[in-house]
Amino acid sequence: MILFTLATVSLLLVTFCYSVKCWLSPFGDCRQCDGMGHEIKYDRKGKAKRGKDCRRCKATGKRIRVGRHLYNVSRCTYRAGTR
């Protein structure tokens, strides 16, 4: 019983912390380009050069977090249902 209570409390704490993080910072770094907005290419000499723009984040380097996206979808659905 104590283990179940501890697991429930820890799960609620993690969920609350992630909700606060999504509220304070709804956008995170893009996982594909690591927040740079483009890929890095190297020429034959080994010198780093700017590559193509990231298609996933449209060269912004930012992406919307999953929790914030779910919140936006639920808010839109709620507003559409109460009209």
Protein backbone atom coordinates (compact mmCIF):
# COMPACT_ATOMS: atom_id res chain seq x y z
CA MET A 1 0.00 0.00 0.00
CA ILE A 2 2.83 2.41 0.82
CA LEU A 3 4.56 1.61 -2.47
CA PHE A 4 1.39 2.35 -4.43
CA THR A 5 0.92 5.67 -2.62
CA LEU A 6 4.55 6.62 -3.20
CA ALA A 7 4.28 5.79 -6.92
CA THR A 8 1.07 7.80 -7.24
CA VAL A 9 2.52 10.83 -5.48
CA SER A 10 5.69 10.73 -7.58
CA LEU A 11 3.66 10.43 -10.79
CA LEU A 12 1.51 13.41 -9.79
CA LEU A 13 4.64 15.41 -8.94
CA VAL A 14 6.26 14.67 -12.32
CA THR A 15 3.03 15.56 -14.13
CA PHE A 16 2.71 18.81 -12.21
CA CYS A 17 6.33 19.77 -12.91
CA TYR A 18 5.94 19.07 -16.64
CA SER A 19 2.72 21.11 -16.72
CA VAL A 20 4.50 24.05 -15.13
CA LYS A 21 7.36 23.69 -17.61
CA CYS A 22 4.91 23.70 -20.54
CA TRP A 23 3.20 26.77 -19.11
CA LEU A 24 6.43 28.73 -18.55
CA SER A 25 8.23 27.61 -21.69
CA PRO A 26 5.84 26.23 -24.33
CA PHE A 27 8.58 25.89 -26.95
CA GLY A 28 11.64 23.67 -26.71
CA ASP A 29 14.65 23.10 -28.94
CA CYS A 30 14.08 21.11 -32.11
CA ARG A 31 15.36 17.55 -31.71
CA GLN A 32 16.37 17.17 -35.33
CA CYS A 33 18.64 20.23 -35.63
CA ASP A 34 19.42 20.62 -31.88
CA GLY A 35 17.92 24.11 -31.85
CA MET A 36 20.19 25.55 -34.55
CA GLY A 37 17.60 25.76 -37.32
CA HIS A 38 19.85 24.10 -39.85
CA GLU A 39 22.16 21.17 -40.19
CA ILE A 40 25.94 21.48 -40.14
CA LYS A 41 27.87 20.22 -43.13
CA TYR A 42 31.60 19.80 -43.46
CA ASP A 43 33.56 20.48 -46.63
CA ARG A 44 36.45 18.36 -47.86
CA LYS A 45 38.92 20.23 -45.64
CA GLY A 46 36.83 19.55 -42.53
CA LYS A 47 35.62 23.12 -42.13
CA ALA A 48 32.09 23.43 -40.77
CA LYS A 49 29.54 25.11 -43.04
CA ARG A 50 25.88 25.89 -42.78
CA GLY A 51 23.71 23.23 -44.36
CA LYS A 52 20.09 23.15 -45.41
CA ASP A 53 17.34 24.66 -43.28
CA CYS A 54 15.57 22.26 -40.94
CA ARG A 55 12.23 21.18 -42.38
CA ARG A 56 10.84 20.08 -39.04
CA CYS A 57 11.04 23.46 -37.28
CA LYS A 58 11.06 25.59 -40.47
CA ALA A 59 14.52 26.99 -39.58
CA THR A 60 13.39 28.50 -36.26
CA GLY A 61 15.18 26.00 -34.04
CA LYS A 62 12.11 25.73 -31.81
CA ARG A 63 9.28 23.22 -31.57
CA ILE A 64 6.11 23.13 -29.49
CA ARG A 65 6.21 20.75 -26.53
CA VAL A 66 3.93 17.70 -26.54
CA GLY A 67 2.11 18.78 -23.39
CA ARG A 68 1.48 22.26 -24.75
CA HIS A 69 0.22 20.79 -28.03
CA LEU A 70 -2.23 18.55 -26.17
CA TYR A 71 -3.40 21.54 -24.12
CA ASN A 72 -3.94 23.61 -27.30
CA VAL A 73 -5.92 20.80 -28.97
CA SER A 74 -8.12 20.24 -25.92
CA ARG A 75 -8.75 23.98 -25.56
CA CYS A 76 -9.71 24.25 -29.24
CA THR A 77 -12.03 21.24 -28.97
CA TYR A 78 -13.67 22.67 -25.85
CA ARG A 79 -14.24 26.05 -27.48
CA ALA A 80 -15.67 24.45 -30.61
CA GLY A 81 -18.06 22.37 -28.50
CA THR A 82 -19.39 25.28 -26.43
CA ARG A 83 -20.23 27.57 -29.34
